[in-house]
Amino acid sequence: MEFFKHNTNINFMAQRKWAAVLSIILFVASLVSLSWHGLNWGLDFTGGTQIQLSYPQAADLTQVHDSLEKAGFPEAVVISFGTSKDVLVSLVPKEQHAAVMTDAERTAMVSQVVAALPGAKVNQIDYIGPTVGQEMATRGLLAIIIALLGTMIYIAFRFDMRFAIGSTVALVHDPIIIVGIFSFFHIEFNLIALAAVLTVIGYSLNDTIVIFDRVRENFRKFRKADATEVMNQSINQTLSRTIMTSALTLIVVLALFFLGGSLLHGFSLALIIGIVVGTYSSIYVAGSLTLALGLQRQHLVVVPKEADARP
């Protein structure tokens, strides 16, 4: 099944300068938002207390949050958990008290929550210490760095260093924009959202590898075409596959966003942004930057040596 004919010839690279301007604006805006607002770190990274509650009837999340705010917990995060009767309350302690909160203080805090929510039944209480949260944040950042380095080394060996630099910049471009949007709109960033960011890196890389592999093949097939023509031809040849993959994946993720409940909103939102930005960056960041770095036929096609005719 194909959306476009084999002879489709859209000149994608003609807009690469405008695309570069757009990417720079989005990237810089994301960095500014991150430096100004920071990230709204979830309980997984900050440490705190999670209380799983259940009600005999469907819970009104707004009313639950208002009751907790009146009880002295204005920063409490209230989401549905499982069914409409189940509620997950996340309490992030103030930074100066997070590391010194004792068992007695935690017990008193939970008692305040229960007293503020009459009719609620406590099912489970989980506490995440600030040390564990910092360790998770460090390991998450380390996982992203290792993934990027491994990707760059793999592509450099399989293709060429120009491809490696182009794809790595694209893979840095995508997660920065995702976390920039999370920062600007103050959306909670937790371990589930981090997992989505790592998924986006793999997804974007897959699109990039498919295009790069076709570029290498087309350099051998179209011997008179220059690098820009080969890149355009390769993107057009993989366009149907790219659209089908992105569209089908996006449908599933949209279903998660609208039907998966509050717990999956951060995960699905990061994937939605990542699919759109990743598809764009595979063409206009990785491809365009590879051309800007001076990609030529000799970088991928080995010129055969002339045989020595001397006896």
Protein backbone atom coordinates (compact mmCIF):
# COMPACT_ATOMS: atom_id res chain seq x y z
CA MET A 1 0.00 0.00 0.00
CA GLU A 2 1.40 3.39 -1.03
CA PHE A 3 0.07 6.94 -0.70
CA PHE A 4 2.41 8.33 -3.34
CA LYS A 5 3.47 7.12 -6.78
CA HIS A 6 6.98 5.87 -7.43
CA ASN A 7 7.77 8.92 -9.55
CA THR A 8 6.85 11.45 -6.84
CA ASN A 9 9.39 14.25 -6.89
CA ILE A 10 8.81 16.73 -4.05
CA ASN A 11 11.76 19.05 -3.60
CA PHE A 12 12.11 18.76 0.18
CA MET A 13 15.61 20.20 0.27
CA ALA A 14 14.46 23.47 -1.33
CA GLN A 15 12.97 24.45 2.04
CA ARG A 16 15.90 23.34 4.16
CA LYS A 17 17.00 26.90 4.99
CA TRP A 18 13.54 27.82 6.29
CA ALA A 19 13.40 24.52 8.15
CA ALA A 20 16.77 25.29 9.73
CA VAL A 21 15.44 28.66 10.94
CA LEU A 22 12.34 26.98 12.41
CA SER A 23 14.43 24.31 14.15
CA ILE A 24 16.79 26.89 15.63
CA ILE A 25 13.86 28.98 16.92
CA LEU A 26 12.16 25.97 18.53
CA PHE A 27 15.44 24.67 19.97
CA VAL A 28 16.46 28.03 21.46
CA ALA A 29 12.94 28.66 22.80
CA SER A 30 13.01 25.24 24.48
CA LEU A 31 16.37 25.97 26.09
CA VAL A 32 15.16 29.38 27.29
CA SER A 33 12.03 27.81 28.81
CA LEU A 34 14.09 25.12 30.50
CA SER A 35 16.53 27.66 31.95
CA TRP A 36 13.75 30.05 33.02
CA HIS A 37 11.00 27.72 34.23
CA GLY A 38 12.84 24.43 34.62
CA LEU A 39 10.93 21.16 34.54
CA ASN A 40 7.94 20.31 36.66
CA TRP A 41 9.60 17.21 38.10
CA GLY A 42 7.32 14.38 39.13
CA LEU A 43 7.43 12.47 42.38
CA ASP A 44 9.80 9.91 40.83
CA PHE A 45 12.56 12.55 40.75
CA THR A 46 11.76 14.86 43.67
CA GLY A 47 10.80 12.29 46.27
CA GLY A 48 7.58 12.43 48.27
CA THR A 49 4.54 10.39 49.21
CA GLN A 50 1.93 8.67 47.06
CA ILE A 51 -1.39 7.62 48.56
CA GLN A 52 -3.78 5.33 46.68
CA LEU A 53 -7.38 5.96 47.72
CA SER A 54 -10.70 4.46 46.72
CA TYR A 55 -14.24 5.81 46.99
CA PRO A 56 -17.56 3.93 47.06
CA GLN A 57 -18.66 6.01 44.06
CA ALA A 58 -16.95 7.85 41.20
CA ALA A 59 -14.51 10.38 42.62
CA ASP A 60 -14.68 14.09 41.80
CA LEU A 61 -11.03 14.98 41.26
CA THR A 62 -11.65 18.72 41.46
CA GLN A 63 -13.39 18.37 44.78
CA VAL A 64 -10.61 16.12 46.10
CA HIS A 65 -7.97 18.68 45.09
CA ASP A 66 -9.95 21.55 46.65
CA SER A 67 -10.29 19.62 49.92
CA LEU A 68 -6.54 18.95 50.01
CA GLU A 69 -5.79 22.60 49.23
CA LYS A 70 -7.93 23.69 52.19
CA ALA A 71 -6.09 21.16 54.37
CA GLY A 72 -2.73 22.76 53.51
CA PHE A 73 -1.63 20.77 50.46
CA PRO A 74 -1.98 23.22 47.53
CA GLU A 75 0.71 21.40 45.50
CA ALA A 76 -0.99 17.99 45.75
CA VAL A 77 -1.38 16.18 42.41
CA VAL A 78 -4.65 14.26 42.11
CA ILE A 79 -5.26 11.86 39.22
CA SER A 80 -7.49 8.90 38.42
CA PHE A 81 -5.84 5.58 39.05
CA GLY A 82 -7.36 2.49 37.49
CA THR A 83 -11.13 3.01 37.73
CA SER A 84 -13.11 6.21 38.26
CA LYS A 85 -13.45 5.27 41.94
CA ASP A 86 -9.69 5.07 42.50
CA VAL A 87 -7.57 8.16 43.11
CA LEU A 88 -3.80 8.62 43.34
CA VAL A 89 -2.66 11.55 45.47
CA SER A 90 0.97 12.65 45.12
CA LEU A 91 2.43 14.88 47.81
CA VAL A 92 5.80 16.50 47.13
CA PRO A 93 7.28 17.92 50.34
CA LYS A 94 8.93 21.34 50.40
CA GLU A 95 12.53 21.10 49.27
CA GLN A 96 14.04 22.21 52.55
CA HIS A 97 12.16 19.54 54.49
CA ALA A 98 12.30 16.70 51.94
CA ALA A 99 15.54 15.21 53.21
CA VAL A 100 14.73 15.44 56.92
CA MET A 101 11.11 14.24 57.02
CA THR A 102 10.78 11.55 59.69
CA ASP A 103 8.41 8.60 59.82
CA ALA A 104 6.29 10.41 62.38
CA GLU A 105 5.99 13.47 60.10
CA ARG A 106 5.00 11.31 57.15
CA THR A 107 2.40 9.50 59.27
CA ALA A 108 0.98 12.83 60.44
CA MET A 109 0.82 14.09 56.84
CA VAL A 110 -1.07 10.98 55.69
CA SER A 111 -3.48 11.39 58.62
CA GLN A 112 -4.16 14.97 57.52
CA VAL A 113 -4.94 13.79 54.01
CA VAL A 114 -7.32 11.09 55.23
CA ALA A 115 -9.05 13.57 57.56
CA ALA A 116 -9.50 16.01 54.67
CA LEU A 117 -11.12 13.34 52.48
CA PRO A 118 -13.98 11.72 54.40
CA GLY A 119 -15.30 8.58 52.78
CA ALA A 120 -11.99 7.71 51.15
CA LYS A 121 -10.33 4.39 51.89
CA VAL A 122 -6.53 4.17 51.93
CA ASN A 123 -5.34 1.22 49.84
CA GLN A 124 -1.60 1.82 49.68
CA ILE A 125 1.03 4.35 50.74
CA ASP A 126 4.37 4.66 48.95
CA TYR A 127 7.27 6.91 49.91
CA ILE A 128 10.13 7.85 47.60
CA GLY A 129 13.13 9.45 49.28
CA PRO A 130 14.88 12.47 47.70
CA THR A 131 18.11 10.49 47.32
CA VAL A 132 16.33 7.86 45.24
CA GLY A 133 14.71 10.59 43.16
CA GLN A 134 18.05 12.28 42.43
CA GLU A 135 19.54 8.92 41.49
CA MET A 136 16.68 8.30 39.05
CA ALA A 137 17.22 11.70 37.43
CA THR A 138 20.96 11.05 37.09
CA ARG A 139 20.44 7.61 35.62
CA GLY A 140 17.79 8.93 33.23
CA LEU A 141 20.19 11.59 31.90
CA LEU A 142 22.96 8.99 31.65
CA ALA A 143 20.66 6.68 29.67
CA ILE A 144 19.97 9.44 27.13
CA ILE A 145 23.69 10.29 26.75
CA ILE A 146 24.66 6.63 26.28
CA ALA A 147 21.88 6.17 23.71
CA LEU A 148 23.09 9.19 21.71
CA LEU A 149 26.76 8.15 21.81
CA GLY A 150 25.95 4.57 20.83
CA THR A 151 23.82 5.82 17.95
CA MET A 152 26.57 8.13 16.68
CA ILE A 153 29.19 5.36 16.76
CA TYR A 154 26.88 2.89 14.98
CA ILE A 155 25.99 5.29 12.16
CA ALA A 156 29.61 6.43 11.74
CA PHE A 157 30.72 2.83 11.17
CA ARG A 158 27.77 1.85 8.97
CA PHE A 159 27.56 5.00 6.84
CA ASP A 160 29.83 8.02 7.26
CA MET A 161 30.75 10.52 9.96
CA ARG A 162 28.60 13.19 8.25
CA PHE A 163 25.56 10.96 8.64
CA ALA A 164 26.51 10.33 12.26
CA ILE A 165 26.69 14.05 13.07
CA GLY A 166 23.44 14.81 11.23
CA SER A 167 21.49 12.03 12.95
CA THR A 168 22.93 12.84 16.39
CA VAL A 169 21.97 16.51 16.10
CA ALA A 170 18.46 15.38 15.08
CA LEU A 171 18.29 13.07 18.09
CA VAL A 172 19.33 15.92 20.42
CA HIS A 173 16.88 18.27 18.67
CA ASP A 174 13.84 16.03 19.33
CA PRO A 175 14.04 15.45 23.12
CA ILE A 176 15.03 19.09 23.80
CA ILE A 177 11.88 20.30 22.05
CA ILE A 178 9.77 17.72 23.94
CA VAL A 179 11.07 18.73 27.37
CA GLY A 180 10.89 22.40 26.32
CA ILE A 181 7.15 22.03 25.69
CA PHE A 182 6.77 20.21 29.01
CA SER A 183 8.62 23.08 30.69
CA PHE A 184 6.66 25.87 28.99
CA PHE A 185 3.26 24.40 29.86
CA HIS A 186 4.36 23.17 33.32
CA ILE A 187 3.44 19.56 32.54
CA GLU A 188 4.68 17.04 35.07
CA PHE A 189 7.79 15.19 33.89
CA ASN A 190 8.17 11.76 35.52
CA LEU A 191 9.77 8.41 34.74
CA ILE A 192 6.96 7.49 32.35
CA ALA A 193 7.56 10.69 30.37
CA LEU A 194 11.30 9.93 30.37
CA ALA A 195 10.54 6.49 28.93
CA ALA A 196 8.57 8.21 26.16
CA VAL A 197 11.54 10.48 25.38
CA LEU A 198 13.83 7.45 25.05
CA THR A 199 11.22 5.80 22.82
CA VAL A 200 11.15 8.89 20.60
CA ILE A 201 14.93 8.70 20.18
CA GLY A 202 14.60 5.16 18.85
CA TYR A 203 11.62 6.05 16.68
CA SER A 204 13.33 9.06 15.10
CA LEU A 205 16.49 7.05 14.52
CA ASN A 206 14.54 4.36 12.68
CA ASP A 207 13.17 6.91 10.19
CA THR A 208 16.62 8.44 9.73
CA ILE A 209 18.31 5.09 9.09
CA VAL A 210 15.73 4.16 6.43
CA ILE A 211 16.38 7.41 4.55
CA PHE A 212 20.17 7.15 4.90
CA ASP A 213 20.16 3.57 3.65
CA ARG A 214 18.22 4.63 0.57
CA VAL A 215 20.67 7.52 0.02
CA ARG A 216 23.56 5.06 -0.06
CA GLU A 217 21.74 2.86 -2.57
CA ASN A 218 20.77 5.78 -4.80
CA PHE A 219 24.34 7.09 -4.96
CA ARG A 220 25.20 3.82 -6.68
CA LYS A 221 22.15 3.86 -8.98
CA PHE A 222 22.10 7.52 -10.07
CA ARG A 223 25.73 8.18 -10.96
CA LYS A 224 25.12 11.61 -12.53
CA ALA A 225 22.94 13.02 -9.76
CA ASP A 226 24.39 15.35 -7.14
CA ALA A 227 23.97 14.89 -3.38
CA THR A 228 20.90 17.15 -3.11
CA GLU A 229 19.08 15.28 -5.89
CA VAL A 230 19.93 11.93 -4.30
CA MET A 231 18.67 13.08 -0.90
CA ASN A 232 15.40 14.34 -2.41
CA GLN A 233 14.95 11.12 -4.36
CA SER A 234 15.57 9.01 -1.27
CA ILE A 235 13.05 10.95 0.85
CA ASN A 236 10.42 10.68 -1.89
CA GLN A 237 10.97 6.93 -2.23
CA THR A 238 10.45 6.39 1.51
CA LEU A 239 7.63 8.93 1.87
CA SER A 240 4.76 6.42 1.80
CA ARG A 241 6.45 4.24 4.36
CA THR A 242 7.15 7.25 6.60
CA ILE A 243 3.56 8.52 6.47
CA MET A 244 2.01 5.10 7.07
CA THR A 245 4.30 4.39 10.03
CA SER A 246 3.84 7.82 11.58
CA ALA A 247 0.07 7.98 11.01
CA LEU A 248 -0.64 4.52 12.41
CA THR A 249 1.58 5.09 15.43
CA LEU A 250 -0.02 8.48 16.02
CA ILE A 251 -3.53 6.97 16.00
CA VAL A 252 -2.55 4.52 18.75
CA VAL A 253 -0.88 7.22 20.83
CA LEU A 254 -3.86 9.56 20.46
CA ALA A 255 -6.08 6.75 21.74
CA LEU A 256 -3.78 6.46 24.77
CA PHE A 257 -3.92 10.21 25.34
CA PHE A 258 -7.71 10.51 25.25
CA LEU A 259 -8.70 7.12 26.69
CA GLY A 260 -5.72 6.01 28.77
CA GLY A 261 -6.46 8.14 31.81
CA SER A 262 -4.50 10.87 33.56
CA LEU A 263 -1.64 8.55 34.47
CA LEU A 264 -0.65 8.16 30.80
CA HIS A 265 -1.12 11.77 29.70
CA GLY A 266 2.57 12.69 30.08
CA PHE A 267 3.72 9.53 28.31
CA SER A 268 1.30 9.83 25.40
CA LEU A 269 1.83 13.60 25.02
CA ALA A 270 5.60 13.13 24.80
CA LEU A 271 5.08 10.48 22.13
CA ILE A 272 2.67 12.66 20.14
CA ILE A 273 5.18 15.51 20.09
CA GLY A 274 8.03 13.09 19.39
CA ILE A 275 6.33 11.42 16.41
CA VAL A 276 5.63 14.75 14.72
CA VAL A 277 9.00 16.32 15.52
CA GLY A 278 10.90 13.07 14.85
CA THR A 279 9.40 12.66 11.38
CA TYR A 280 10.23 16.28 10.61
CA SER A 281 13.80 16.05 11.95
CA SER A 282 14.59 12.89 9.98
CA ILE A 283 14.11 14.93 6.81
CA TYR A 284 14.95 18.52 7.64
CA VAL A 285 17.53 18.15 10.40
CA ALA A 286 19.40 14.91 9.76
CA GLY A 287 19.15 15.07 5.96
CA SER A 288 19.77 18.80 5.58
CA LEU A 289 22.69 18.87 8.01
CA THR A 290 24.33 15.92 6.26
CA LEU A 291 24.25 17.89 2.99
CA ALA A 292 25.52 21.02 4.75
CA LEU A 293 28.51 19.03 6.01
CA GLY A 294 29.54 18.36 2.42
CA LEU A 295 28.25 14.87 1.65
CA GLN A 296 29.53 13.63 -1.71
CA ARG A 297 29.35 10.41 -3.70
CA GLN A 298 32.93 9.37 -2.82
CA HIS A 299 32.05 9.30 0.87
CA LEU A 300 29.75 6.32 0.33
CA VAL A 301 30.75 4.72 -2.97
CA VAL A 302 34.21 3.21 -3.13
CA VAL A 303 35.86 4.03 -6.44
CA PRO A 304 37.39 0.81 -7.88
CA LYS A 305 41.12 0.91 -8.42
CA GLU A 306 42.38 0.60 -11.98
CA ALA A 307 44.05 -2.72 -12.66
CA ASP A 308 47.76 -2.58 -13.39
CA ALA A 309 48.16 -3.69 -17.03
CA ARG A 310 51.93 -4.06 -16.78
CA PRO A 311 53.29 -7.62 -17.05
